[in-house]
Amino acid sequence: MSTVEDVHKIDAISVDKESNDVILNIFDHLDWSNEKMHIHLLQEKITNYLKFVESKEIENVFPDAKGKKIKICVVAKFSLTGNALKFIASVTQTVTSAGLSLDHSFFKKLRTE
């Protein structure tokens, strides 16, 4: 499985069963001890996701994406720092102007009982 560190790979593509939107996930398992590097990786990954959509490559790889709304979702393991939240707010404007949406959520810890 690829993650935020694999900036040139798509981590996961799926279709939301409720909204019918195509979801491009970015799996972010990194903590924020090196905040500058972490934000840089997210920026590179999101930029490459935008290129993937704008070039229509997504339709070759995932034909079900054609004509659907596309959402990039950053799925993080650790809470975002203040600077990371500012970055997400800033990049959301860029993503929205490209016709996509951006969201972030957190990994859910699975219970193993």
PDB file of N, CA and C in Angstrom:
ATOM      1  N   MET A   1       0.843  -1.178   0.000  1.00  0.00           N
ATOM      2  CA  MET A   1       0.000   0.000   0.000  1.00  0.00           C
ATOM      3  C   MET A   1       0.890   1.245   0.000  1.00  0.00           C
ATOM      4  N   SER A   2       0.553   2.189  -0.831  1.00  0.00           N
ATOM      5  CA  SER A   2       1.322   3.431  -0.843  1.00  0.00           C
ATOM      6  C   SER A   2       0.760   4.400   0.198  1.00  0.00           C
ATOM      7  N   THR A   3       1.569   5.404   0.526  1.00  0.00           N
ATOM      8  CA  THR A   3       1.198   6.392   1.544  1.00  0.00           C
ATOM      9  C   THR A   3       1.639   7.770   1.080  1.00  0.00           C
ATOM     10  N   VAL A   4       1.495   8.727   1.964  1.00  0.00           N
ATOM     11  CA  VAL A   4       1.859  10.112   1.664  1.00  0.00           C
ATOM     12  C   VAL A   4       3.309  10.233   1.197  1.00  0.00           C
ATOM     13  N   GLU A   5       4.162   9.336   1.640  1.00  0.00           N
ATOM     14  CA  GLU A   5       5.570   9.392   1.242  1.00  0.00           C
ATOM     15  C   GLU A   5       5.785   8.999  -0.219  1.00  0.00           C
ATOM     16  N   ASP A   6       4.866   8.255  -0.786  1.00  0.00           N
ATOM     17  CA  ASP A   6       4.945   7.843  -2.192  1.00  0.00           C
ATOM     18  C   ASP A   6       4.239   8.903  -3.039  1.00  0.00           C
ATOM     19  N   VAL A   7       4.899  10.047  -3.214  1.00  0.00           N
ATOM     20  CA  VAL A   7       4.234  11.219  -3.794  1.00  0.00           C
ATOM     21  C   VAL A   7       3.788  11.022  -5.236  1.00  0.00           C
ATOM     22  N   HIS A   8       4.340  10.056  -5.938  1.00  0.00           N
ATOM     23  CA  HIS A   8       3.979   9.843  -7.341  1.00  0.00           C
ATOM     24  C   HIS A   8       2.991   8.691  -7.538  1.00  0.00           C
ATOM     25  N   LYS A   9       2.421   8.194  -6.447  1.00  0.00           N
ATOM     26  CA  LYS A   9       1.457   7.096  -6.533  1.00  0.00           C
ATOM     27  C   LYS A   9       0.117   7.528  -5.945  1.00  0.00           C
ATOM     28  N   ILE A  10      -0.950   6.953  -6.481  1.00  0.00           N
ATOM     29  CA  ILE A  10      -2.287   7.148  -5.925  1.00  0.00           C
ATOM     30  C   ILE A  10      -2.477   6.078  -4.852  1.00  0.00           C
ATOM     31  N   ASP A  11      -2.798   6.505  -3.634  1.00  0.00           N
ATOM     32  CA  ASP A  11      -2.909   5.553  -2.530  1.00  0.00           C
ATOM     33  C   ASP A  11      -4.137   4.653  -2.669  1.00  0.00           C
ATOM     34  N   ALA A  12      -5.289   5.241  -2.999  1.00  0.00           N
ATOM     35  CA  ALA A  12      -6.513   4.446  -3.172  1.00  0.00           C
ATOM     36  C   ALA A  12      -7.555   5.265  -3.920  1.00  0.00           C
ATOM     37  N   ILE A  13      -8.352   4.568  -4.725  1.00  0.00           N
ATOM     38  CA  ILE A  13      -9.475   5.178  -5.444  1.00  0.00           C
ATOM     39  C   ILE A  13     -10.713   4.355  -5.128  1.00  0.00           C
ATOM     40  N   SER A  14     -11.803   5.047  -4.817  1.00  0.00           N
ATOM     41  CA  SER A  14     -13.060   4.346  -4.563  1.00  0.00           C
ATOM     42  C   SER A  14     -14.228   5.255  -4.935  1.00  0.00           C
ATOM     43  N   VAL A  15     -15.420   4.700  -4.884  1.00  0.00           N
ATOM     44  CA  VAL A  15     -16.634   5.478  -5.112  1.00  0.00           C
ATOM     45  C   VAL A  15     -17.445   5.458  -3.821  1.00  0.00           C
ATOM     46  N   ASP A  16     -17.800   6.639  -3.335  1.00  0.00           N
ATOM     47  CA  ASP A  16     -18.635   6.755  -2.145  1.00  0.00           C
ATOM     48  C   ASP A  16     -20.037   6.249  -2.489  1.00  0.00           C
ATOM     49  N   LYS A  17     -20.518   5.263  -1.756  1.00  0.00           N
ATOM     50  CA  LYS A  17     -21.813   4.647  -2.069  1.00  0.00           C
ATOM     51  C   LYS A  17     -22.983   5.604  -1.871  1.00  0.00           C
ATOM     52  N   GLU A  18     -22.847   6.566  -0.957  1.00  0.00           N
ATOM     53  CA  GLU A  18     -23.940   7.501  -0.696  1.00  0.00           C
ATOM     54  C   GLU A  18     -23.972   8.648  -1.701  1.00  0.00           C
ATOM     55  N   SER A  19     -22.827   9.297  -1.919  1.00  0.00           N
ATOM     56  CA  SER A  19     -22.784  10.486  -2.782  1.00  0.00           C
ATOM     57  C   SER A  19     -22.482  10.159  -4.240  1.00  0.00           C
ATOM     58  N   ASN A  20     -21.935   8.968  -4.485  1.00  0.00           N
ATOM     59  CA  ASN A  20     -21.483   8.547  -5.816  1.00  0.00           C
ATOM     60  C   ASN A  20     -20.257   9.335  -6.288  1.00  0.00           C
ATOM     61  N   ASP A  21     -19.615  10.071  -5.371  1.00  0.00           N
ATOM     62  CA  ASP A  21     -18.379  10.787  -5.690  1.00  0.00           C
ATOM     63  C   ASP A  21     -17.216   9.804  -5.753  1.00  0.00           C
ATOM     64  N   VAL A  22     -16.227  10.136  -6.569  1.00  0.00           N
ATOM     65  CA  VAL A  22     -14.988   9.362  -6.603  1.00  0.00           C
ATOM     66  C   VAL A  22     -14.073   9.923  -5.516  1.00  0.00           C
ATOM     67  N   ILE A  23     -13.529   9.052  -4.687  1.00  0.00           N
ATOM     68  CA  ILE A  23     -12.662   9.454  -3.586  1.00  0.00           C
ATOM     69  C   ILE A  23     -11.235   9.020  -3.901  1.00  0.00           C
ATOM     70  N   LEU A  24     -10.323   9.987  -3.877  1.00  0.00           N
ATOM     71  CA  LEU A  24      -8.890   9.711  -3.991  1.00  0.00           C
ATOM     72  C   LEU A  24      -8.298   9.886  -2.595  1.00  0.00           C
ATOM     73  N   ASN A  25      -7.915   8.784  -1.976  1.00  0.00           N
ATOM     74  CA  ASN A  25      -7.383   8.847  -0.616  1.00  0.00           C
ATOM     75  C   ASN A  25      -5.879   9.048  -0.605  1.00  0.00           C
ATOM     76  N   ILE A  26      -5.442   9.835   0.365  1.00  0.00           N
ATOM     77  CA  ILE A  26      -4.024   9.967   0.699  1.00  0.00           C
ATOM     78  C   ILE A  26      -3.893   9.442   2.122  1.00  0.00           C
ATOM     79  N   PHE A  27      -3.142   8.367   2.294  1.00  0.00           N
ATOM     80  CA  PHE A  27      -2.951   7.783   3.614  1.00  0.00           C
ATOM     81  C   PHE A  27      -1.714   8.392   4.264  1.00  0.00           C
ATOM     82  N   ASP A  28      -1.954   9.144   5.329  1.00  0.00           N
ATOM     83  CA  ASP A  28      -0.898   9.900   6.000  1.00  0.00           C
ATOM     84  C   ASP A  28      -0.652   9.315   7.388  1.00  0.00           C
ATOM     85  N   HIS A  29       0.374   8.499   7.487  1.00  0.00           N
ATOM     86  CA  HIS A  29       0.710   7.816   8.734  1.00  0.00           C
ATOM     87  C   HIS A  29       1.785   8.545   9.539  1.00  0.00           C
ATOM     88  N   LEU A  30       2.282   9.658   9.023  1.00  0.00           N
ATOM     89  CA  LEU A  30       3.412  10.347   9.647  1.00  0.00           C
ATOM     90  C   LEU A  30       2.976  11.244  10.803  1.00  0.00           C
ATOM     91  N   ASP A  31       3.833  11.325  11.824  1.00  0.00           N
ATOM     92  CA  ASP A  31       3.579  12.305  12.879  1.00  0.00           C
ATOM     93  C   ASP A  31       4.090  13.668  12.399  1.00  0.00           C
ATOM     94  N   TRP A  32       3.995  14.662  13.226  1.00  0.00           N
ATOM     95  CA  TRP A  32       4.334  16.027  12.799  1.00  0.00           C
ATOM     96  C   TRP A  32       5.657  16.513  13.386  1.00  0.00           C
ATOM     97  N   SER A  33       6.544  15.587  13.758  1.00  0.00           N
ATOM     98  CA  SER A  33       7.828  15.988  14.337  1.00  0.00           C
ATOM     99  C   SER A  33       8.683  16.764  13.341  1.00  0.00           C
ATOM    100  N   ASN A  34       8.529  16.497  12.045  1.00  0.00           N
ATOM    101  CA  ASN A  34       9.203  17.282  11.004  1.00  0.00           C
ATOM    102  C   ASN A  34       8.103  17.933  10.156  1.00  0.00           C
ATOM    103  N   GLU A  35       7.512  18.962  10.730  1.00  0.00           N
ATOM    104  CA  GLU A  35       6.339  19.599  10.132  1.00  0.00           C
ATOM    105  C   GLU A  35       6.595  20.123   8.723  1.00  0.00           C
ATOM    106  N   LYS A  36       7.733  20.754   8.515  1.00  0.00           N
ATOM    107  CA  LYS A  36       8.036  21.332   7.202  1.00  0.00           C
ATOM    108  C   LYS A  36       8.082  20.242   6.123  1.00  0.00           C
ATOM    109  N   MET A  37       8.775  19.155   6.400  1.00  0.00           N
ATOM    110  CA  MET A  37       8.876  18.051   5.451  1.00  0.00           C
ATOM    111  C   MET A  37       7.508  17.411   5.217  1.00  0.00           C
ATOM    112  N   HIS A  38       6.740  17.264   6.277  1.00  0.00           N
ATOM    113  CA  HIS A  38       5.425  16.639   6.204  1.00  0.00           C
ATOM    114  C   HIS A  38       4.490  17.460   5.310  1.00  0.00           C
ATOM    115  N   ILE A  39       4.457  18.763   5.510  1.00  0.00           N
ATOM    116  CA  ILE A  39       3.625  19.635   4.677  1.00  0.00           C
ATOM    117  C   ILE A  39       4.098  19.584   3.230  1.00  0.00           C
ATOM    118  N   HIS A  40       5.405  19.543   3.026  1.00  0.00           N
ATOM    119  CA  HIS A  40       5.948  19.451   1.662  1.00  0.00           C
ATOM    120  C   HIS A  40       5.473  18.158   0.976  1.00  0.00           C
ATOM    121  N   LEU A  41       5.504  17.043   1.695  1.00  0.00           N
ATOM    122  CA  LEU A  41       5.030  15.774   1.128  1.00  0.00           C
ATOM    123  C   LEU A  41       3.550  15.854   0.761  1.00  0.00           C
ATOM    124  N   LEU A  42       2.749  16.428   1.647  1.00  0.00           N
ATOM    125  CA  LEU A  42       1.321  16.584   1.350  1.00  0.00           C
ATOM    126  C   LEU A  42       1.106  17.462   0.124  1.00  0.00           C
ATOM    127  N   GLN A  43       1.872  18.537   0.042  1.00  0.00           N
ATOM    128  CA  GLN A  43       1.750  19.440  -1.104  1.00  0.00           C
ATOM    129  C   GLN A  43       2.088  18.712  -2.405  1.00  0.00           C
ATOM    130  N   GLU A  44       3.179  17.964  -2.411  1.00  0.00           N
ATOM    131  CA  GLU A  44       3.581  17.208  -3.601  1.00  0.00           C
ATOM    132  C   GLU A  44       2.525  16.169  -3.973  1.00  0.00           C
ATOM    133  N   LYS A  45       2.026  15.473  -2.977  1.00  0.00           N
ATOM    134  CA  LYS A  45       1.037  14.420  -3.221  1.00  0.00           C
ATOM    135  C   LYS A  45      -0.244  15.018  -3.798  1.00  0.00           C
ATOM    136  N   ILE A  46      -0.735  16.101  -3.203  1.00  0.00           N
ATOM    137  CA  ILE A  46      -1.966  16.733  -3.687  1.00  0.00           C
ATOM    138  C   ILE A  46      -1.764  17.282  -5.090  1.00  0.00           C
ATOM    139  N   THR A  47      -0.617  17.889  -5.352  1.00  0.00           N
ATOM    140  CA  THR A  47      -0.315  18.396  -6.698  1.00  0.00           C
ATOM    141  C   THR A  47      -0.357  17.262  -7.715  1.00  0.00           C
ATOM    142  N   ASN A  48       0.216  16.129  -7.376  1.00  0.00           N
ATOM    143  CA  ASN A  48       0.201  14.983  -8.294  1.00  0.00           C
ATOM    144  C   ASN A  48      -1.202  14.407  -8.466  1.00  0.00           C
ATOM    145  N   TYR A  49      -2.015  14.447  -7.430  1.00  0.00           N
ATOM    146  CA  TYR A  49      -3.407  14.015  -7.564  1.00  0.00           C
ATOM    147  C   TYR A  49      -4.152  14.942  -8.517  1.00  0.00           C
ATOM    148  N   LEU A  50      -3.919  16.250  -8.401  1.00  0.00           N
ATOM    149  CA  LEU A  50      -4.557  17.204  -9.319  1.00  0.00           C
ATOM    150  C   LEU A  50      -4.142  16.932 -10.763  1.00  0.00           C
ATOM    151  N   LYS A  51      -2.864  16.673 -10.981  1.00  0.00           N
ATOM    152  CA  LYS A  51      -2.380  16.353 -12.332  1.00  0.00           C
ATOM    153  C   LYS A  51      -3.037  15.079 -12.854  1.00  0.00           C
ATOM    154  N   PHE A  52      -3.192  14.097 -11.991  1.00  0.00           N
ATOM    155  CA  PHE A  52      -3.817  12.821 -12.334  1.00  0.00           C
ATOM    156  C   PHE A  52      -5.244  13.034 -12.838  1.00  0.00           C
ATOM    157  N   VAL A  53      -5.964  13.950 -12.197  1.00  0.00           N
ATOM    158  CA  VAL A  53      -7.347  14.234 -12.587  1.00  0.00           C
ATOM    159  C   VAL A  53      -7.393  15.131 -13.819  1.00  0.00           C
ATOM    160  N   GLU A  54      -6.622  16.223 -13.801  1.00  0.00           N
ATOM    161  CA  GLU A  54      -6.675  17.198 -14.892  1.00  0.00           C
ATOM    162  C   GLU A  54      -6.213  16.613 -16.224  1.00  0.00           C
ATOM    163  N   SER A  55      -5.298  15.660 -16.189  1.00  0.00           N
ATOM    164  CA  SER A  55      -4.816  15.021 -17.420  1.00  0.00           C
ATOM    165  C   SER A  55      -5.787  13.953 -17.930  1.00  0.00           C
ATOM    166  N   LYS A  56      -6.832  13.682 -17.155  1.00  0.00           N
ATOM    167  CA  LYS A  56      -7.823  12.637 -17.459  1.00  0.00           C
ATOM    168  C   LYS A  56      -7.251  11.226 -17.318  1.00  0.00           C
ATOM    169  N   GLU A  57      -6.041  11.119 -16.778  1.00  0.00           N
ATOM    170  CA  GLU A  57      -5.462   9.795 -16.540  1.00  0.00           C
ATOM    171  C   GLU A  57      -6.360   8.975 -15.612  1.00  0.00           C
ATOM    172  N   ILE A  58      -7.030   9.660 -14.701  1.00  0.00           N
ATOM    173  CA  ILE A  58      -7.935   8.967 -13.779  1.00  0.00           C
ATOM    174  C   ILE A  58      -8.977   8.150 -14.543  1.00  0.00           C
ATOM    175  N   GLU A  59      -9.452   8.672 -15.683  1.00  0.00           N
ATOM    176  CA  GLU A  59     -10.479   7.966 -16.458  1.00  0.00           C
ATOM    177  C   GLU A  59      -9.926   6.722 -17.150  1.00  0.00           C
ATOM    178  N   ASN A  60      -8.632   6.720 -17.439  1.00  0.00           N
ATOM    179  CA  ASN A  60      -8.001   5.520 -18.006  1.00  0.00           C
ATOM    180  C   ASN A  60      -7.803   4.451 -16.939  1.00  0.00           C
ATOM    181  N   VAL A  61      -7.386   4.887 -15.760  1.00  0.00           N
ATOM    182  CA  VAL A  61      -7.105   3.965 -14.664  1.00  0.00           C
ATOM    183  C   VAL A  61      -8.394   3.499 -13.987  1.00  0.00           C
ATOM    184  N   PHE A  62      -9.354   4.412 -13.883  1.00  0.00           N
ATOM    185  CA  PHE A  62     -10.599   4.151 -13.156  1.00  0.00           C
ATOM    186  C   PHE A  62     -11.765   4.710 -13.970  1.00  0.00           C
ATOM    187  N   PRO A  63     -12.213   3.964 -14.992  1.00  0.00           N
ATOM    188  CA  PRO A  63     -13.255   4.464 -15.906  1.00  0.00           C
ATOM    189  C   PRO A  63     -14.534   4.941 -15.215  1.00  0.00           C
ATOM    190  N   ASP A  64     -14.839   4.400 -14.033  1.00  0.00           N
ATOM    191  CA  ASP A  64     -16.039   4.827 -13.303  1.00  0.00           C
ATOM    192  C   ASP A  64     -15.975   6.291 -12.873  1.00  0.00           C
ATOM    193  N   ALA A  65     -14.816   6.917 -12.975  1.00  0.00           N
ATOM    194  CA  ALA A  65     -14.665   8.312 -12.561  1.00  0.00           C
ATOM    195  C   ALA A  65     -15.262   9.291 -13.565  1.00  0.00           C
ATOM    196  N   LYS A  66     -15.451   8.841 -14.776  1.00  0.00           N
ATOM    197  CA  LYS A  66     -15.911   9.743 -15.833  1.00  0.00           C
ATOM    198  C   LYS A  66     -17.255  10.373 -15.467  1.00  0.00           C
ATOM    199  N   GLY A  67     -17.274  11.709 -15.462  1.00  0.00           N
ATOM    200  CA  GLY A  67     -18.495  12.457 -15.192  1.00  0.00           C
ATOM    201  C   GLY A  67     -18.879  12.583 -13.732  1.00  0.00           C
ATOM    202  N   LYS A  68     -18.065  12.052 -12.835  1.00  0.00           N
ATOM    203  CA  LYS A  68     -18.390  12.108 -11.406  1.00  0.00           C
ATOM    204  C   LYS A  68     -17.595  13.206 -10.708  1.00  0.00           C
ATOM    205  N   LYS A  69     -18.140  13.681  -9.592  1.00  0.00           N
ATOM    206  CA  LYS A  69     -17.406  14.617  -8.740  1.00  0.00           C
ATOM    207  C   LYS A  69     -16.253  13.860  -8.098  1.00  0.00           C
ATOM    208  N   ILE A  70     -15.144  14.572  -7.912  1.00  0.00           N
ATOM    209  CA  ILE A  70     -13.960  13.929  -7.344  1.00  0.00           C
ATOM    210  C   ILE A  70     -13.547  14.650  -6.071  1.00  0.00           C
ATOM    211  N   LYS A  71     -13.275  13.855  -5.051  1.00  0.00           N
ATOM    212  CA  LYS A  71     -12.856  14.390  -3.758  1.00  0.00           C
ATOM    213  C   LYS A  71     -11.520  13.772  -3.376  1.00  0.00           C
ATOM    214  N   ILE A  72     -10.589  14.613  -2.954  1.00  0.00           N
ATOM    215  CA  ILE A  72      -9.330  14.142  -2.377  1.00  0.00           C
ATOM    216  C   ILE A  72      -9.529  14.127  -0.872  1.00  0.00           C
ATOM    217  N   CYS A  73      -9.230  13.007  -0.252  1.00  0.00           N
ATOM    218  CA  CYS A  73      -9.383  12.892   1.195  1.00  0.00           C
ATOM    219  C   CYS A  73      -8.051  12.483   1.819  1.00  0.00           C
ATOM    220  N   VAL A  74      -7.532  13.349   2.681  1.00  0.00           N
ATOM    221  CA  VAL A  74      -6.315  13.051   3.429  1.00  0.00           C
ATOM    222  C   VAL A  74      -6.754  12.329   4.700  1.00  0.00           C
ATOM    223  N   VAL A  75      -6.351  11.064   4.816  1.00  0.00           N
ATOM    224  CA  VAL A  75      -6.702  10.258   5.983  1.00  0.00           C
ATOM    225  C   VAL A  75      -5.457  10.185   6.865  1.00  0.00           C
ATOM    226  N   ALA A  76      -5.493  10.919   7.981  1.00  0.00           N
ATOM    227  CA  ALA A  76      -4.308  11.082   8.821  1.00  0.00           C
ATOM    228  C   ALA A  76      -4.368  10.200  10.066  1.00  0.00           C
ATOM    229  N   LYS A  77      -3.205   9.799  10.519  1.00  0.00           N
ATOM    230  CA  LYS A  77      -3.101   9.037  11.762  1.00  0.00           C
ATOM    231  C   LYS A  77      -3.017   9.975  12.962  1.00  0.00           C
ATOM    232  N   PHE A  78      -2.377  11.137  12.758  1.00  0.00           N
ATOM    233  CA  PHE A  78      -2.148  12.079  13.851  1.00  0.00           C
ATOM    234  C   PHE A  78      -2.901  13.380  13.610  1.00  0.00           C
ATOM    235  N   SER A  79      -3.329  14.018  14.690  1.00  0.00           N
ATOM    236  CA  SER A  79      -4.001  15.316  14.586  1.00  0.00           C
ATOM    237  C   SER A  79      -3.105  16.312  13.884  1.00  0.00           C
ATOM    238  N   LEU A  80      -3.725  17.171  13.080  1.00  0.00           N
ATOM    239  CA  LEU A  80      -2.974  18.169  12.324  1.00  0.00           C
ATOM    240  C   LEU A  80      -2.546  19.317  13.236  1.00  0.00           C
ATOM    241  N   THR A  81      -1.367  19.843  12.983  1.00  0.00           N
ATOM    242  CA  THR A  81      -0.876  21.003  13.723  1.00  0.00           C
ATOM    243  C   THR A  81      -1.569  22.255  13.195  1.00  0.00           C
ATOM    244  N   GLY A  82      -1.352  23.372  13.876  1.00  0.00           N
ATOM    245  CA  GLY A  82      -1.908  24.641  13.412  1.00  0.00           C
ATOM    246  C   GLY A  82      -1.454  24.985  12.007  1.00  0.00           C
ATOM    247  N   ASN A  83      -0.161  24.814  11.733  1.00  0.00           N
ATOM    248  CA  ASN A  83       0.352  25.100  10.388  1.00  0.00           C
ATOM    249  C   ASN A  83      -0.210  24.130   9.352  1.00  0.00           C
ATOM    250  N   ALA A  84      -0.408  22.892   9.738  1.00  0.00           N
ATOM    251  CA  ALA A  84      -0.986  21.914   8.813  1.00  0.00           C
ATOM    252  C   ALA A  84      -2.430  22.285   8.483  1.00  0.00           C
ATOM    253  N   LEU A  85      -3.174  22.738   9.479  1.00  0.00           N
ATOM    254  CA  LEU A  85      -4.554  23.171   9.234  1.00  0.00           C
ATOM    255  C   LEU A  85      -4.589  24.381   8.304  1.00  0.00           C
ATOM    256  N   LYS A  86      -3.645  25.305   8.496  1.00  0.00           N
ATOM    257  CA  LYS A  86      -3.552  26.468   7.598  1.00  0.00           C
ATOM    258  C   LYS A  86      -3.234  26.008   6.177  1.00  0.00           C
ATOM    259  N   PHE A  87      -2.334  25.045   6.046  1.00  0.00           N
ATOM    260  CA  PHE A  87      -1.989  24.509   4.729  1.00  0.00           C
ATOM    261  C   PHE A  87      -3.217  23.881   4.073  1.00  0.00           C
ATOM    262  N   ILE A  88      -3.946  23.057   4.819  1.00  0.00           N
ATOM    263  CA  ILE A  88      -5.142  22.401   4.277  1.00  0.00           C
ATOM    264  C   ILE A  88      -6.157  23.448   3.828  1.00  0.00           C
ATOM    265  N   ALA A  89      -6.347  24.495   4.620  1.00  0.00           N
ATOM    266  CA  ALA A  89      -7.288  25.557   4.243  1.00  0.00           C
ATOM    267  C   ALA A  89      -6.845  26.238   2.955  1.00  0.00           C
ATOM    268  N   SER A  90      -5.556  26.494   2.838  1.00  0.00           N
ATOM    269  CA  SER A  90      -5.020  27.156   1.647  1.00  0.00           C
ATOM    270  C   SER A  90      -5.141  26.270   0.411  1.00  0.00           C
ATOM    271  N   VAL A  91      -4.754  25.023   0.539  1.00  0.00           N
ATOM    272  CA  VAL A  91      -4.774  24.116  -0.611  1.00  0.00           C
ATOM    273  C   VAL A  91      -6.210  23.749  -1.001  1.00  0.00           C
ATOM    274  N   THR A  92      -7.136  23.826  -0.055  1.00  0.00           N
ATOM    275  CA  THR A  92      -8.540  23.564  -0.375  1.00  0.00           C
ATOM    276  C   THR A  92      -9.034  24.541  -1.432  1.00  0.00           C
ATOM    277  N   GLN A  93      -8.611  25.794  -1.340  1.00  0.00           N
ATOM    278  CA  GLN A  93      -9.000  26.797  -2.342  1.00  0.00           C
ATOM    279  C   GLN A  93      -8.482  26.406  -3.723  1.00  0.00           C
ATOM    280  N   THR A  94      -7.246  25.956  -3.796  1.00  0.00           N
ATOM    281  CA  THR A  94      -6.653  25.537  -5.068  1.00  0.00           C
ATOM    282  C   THR A  94      -7.395  24.335  -5.639  1.00  0.00           C
ATOM    283  N   VAL A  95      -7.651  23.362  -4.793  1.00  0.00           N
ATOM    284  CA  VAL A  95      -8.333  22.143  -5.225  1.00  0.00           C
ATOM    285  C   VAL A  95      -9.753  22.472  -5.697  1.00  0.00           C
ATOM    286  N   THR A  96     -10.436  23.328  -4.960  1.00  0.00           N
ATOM    287  CA  THR A  96     -11.798  23.725  -5.327  1.00  0.00           C
ATOM    288  C   THR A  96     -11.818  24.459  -6.658  1.00  0.00           C
ATOM    289  N   SER A  97     -10.832  25.329  -6.877  1.00  0.00           N
ATOM    290  CA  SER A  97     -10.789  26.061  -8.150  1.00  0.00           C
ATOM    291  C   SER A  97     -10.517  25.123  -9.328  1.00  0.00           C
ATOM    292  N   ALA A  98      -9.971  23.936  -9.053  1.00  0.00           N
ATOM    293  CA  ALA A  98      -9.742  22.935 -10.099  1.00  0.00           C
ATOM    294  C   ALA A  98     -10.970  22.042 -10.303  1.00  0.00           C
ATOM    295  N   GLY A  99     -12.037  22.300  -9.536  1.00  0.00           N
ATOM    296  CA  GLY A  99     -13.273  21.539  -9.704  1.00  0.00           C
ATOM    297  C   GLY A  99     -13.385  20.301  -8.835  1.00  0.00           C
ATOM    298  N   LEU A 100     -12.488  20.148  -7.877  1.00  0.00           N
ATOM    299  CA  LEU A 100     -12.509  19.013  -6.964  1.00  0.00           C
ATOM    300  C   LEU A 100     -12.813  19.521  -5.566  1.00  0.00           C
ATOM    301  N   SER A 101     -12.934  18.607  -4.624  1.00  0.00           N
ATOM    302  CA  SER A 101     -13.046  19.011  -3.228  1.00  0.00           C
ATOM    303  C   SER A 101     -11.963  18.295  -2.430  1.00  0.00           C
ATOM    304  N   LEU A 102     -11.697  18.831  -1.248  1.00  0.00           N
ATOM    305  CA  LEU A 102     -10.655  18.277  -0.376  1.00  0.00           C
ATOM    306  C   LEU A 102     -11.226  18.142   1.020  1.00  0.00           C
ATOM    307  N   ASP A 103     -10.918  17.036   1.650  1.00  0.00           N
ATOM    308  CA  ASP A 103     -11.382  16.781   3.004  1.00  0.00           C
ATOM    309  C   ASP A 103     -10.257  16.080   3.752  1.00  0.00           C
ATOM    310  N   HIS A 104     -10.343  16.095   5.061  1.00  0.00           N
ATOM    311  CA  HIS A 104      -9.392  15.297   5.834  1.00  0.00           C
ATOM    312  C   HIS A 104     -10.136  14.613   6.972  1.00  0.00           C
ATOM    313  N   SER A 105      -9.639  13.449   7.327  1.00  0.00           N
ATOM    314  CA  SER A 105     -10.224  12.673   8.408  1.00  0.00           C
ATOM    315  C   SER A 105      -9.087  11.929   9.107  1.00  0.00           C
ATOM    316  N   PHE A 106      -9.449  11.094  10.043  1.00  0.00           N
ATOM    317  CA  PHE A 106      -8.439  10.372  10.811  1.00  0.00           C
ATOM    318  C   PHE A 106      -8.685   8.873  10.732  1.00  0.00           C
ATOM    319  N   PHE A 107      -7.574   8.107  10.803  1.00  0.00           N
ATOM    320  CA  PHE A 107      -7.687   6.651  10.851  1.00  0.00           C
ATOM    321  C   PHE A 107      -8.550   6.280  12.048  1.00  0.00           C
ATOM    322  N   LYS A 108      -9.384   5.292  11.869  1.00  0.00           N
ATOM    323  CA  LYS A 108     -10.169   4.786  12.988  1.00  0.00           C
ATOM    324  C   LYS A 108      -9.458   3.567  13.534  1.00  0.00           C
ATOM    325  N   LYS A 109      -9.234   3.586  14.822  1.00  0.00           N
ATOM    326  CA  LYS A 109      -8.573   2.453  15.454  1.00  0.00           C
ATOM    327  C   LYS A 109      -9.563   1.295  15.553  1.00  0.00           C
ATOM    328  N   LEU A 110      -9.150   0.156  15.049  1.00  0.00           N
ATOM    329  CA  LEU A 110     -10.006  -1.025  15.090  1.00  0.00           C
ATOM    330  C   LEU A 110      -9.846  -1.750  16.421  1.00  0.00           C
ATOM    331  N   ARG A 111     -10.958  -2.173  16.964  1.00  0.00           N
ATOM    332  CA  ARG A 111     -10.907  -2.961  18.193  1.00  0.00           C
ATOM    333  C   ARG A 111     -10.678  -4.416  17.823  1.00  0.00           C
ATOM    334  N   THR A 112      -9.816  -5.055  18.549  1.00  0.00           N
ATOM    335  CA  THR A 112      -9.532  -6.472  18.288  1.00  0.00           C
ATOM    336  C   THR A 112      -9.806  -7.280  19.553  1.00  0.00           C
ATOM    337  N   GLU A 113     -11.047  -7.588  19.771  1.00  0.00           N
ATOM    338  CA  GLU A 113     -11.427  -8.376  20.956  1.00  0.00           C
ATOM    339  C   GLU A 113     -12.061  -9.667  20.534  1.00  0.00           C
TER     340      GLU A 113
END
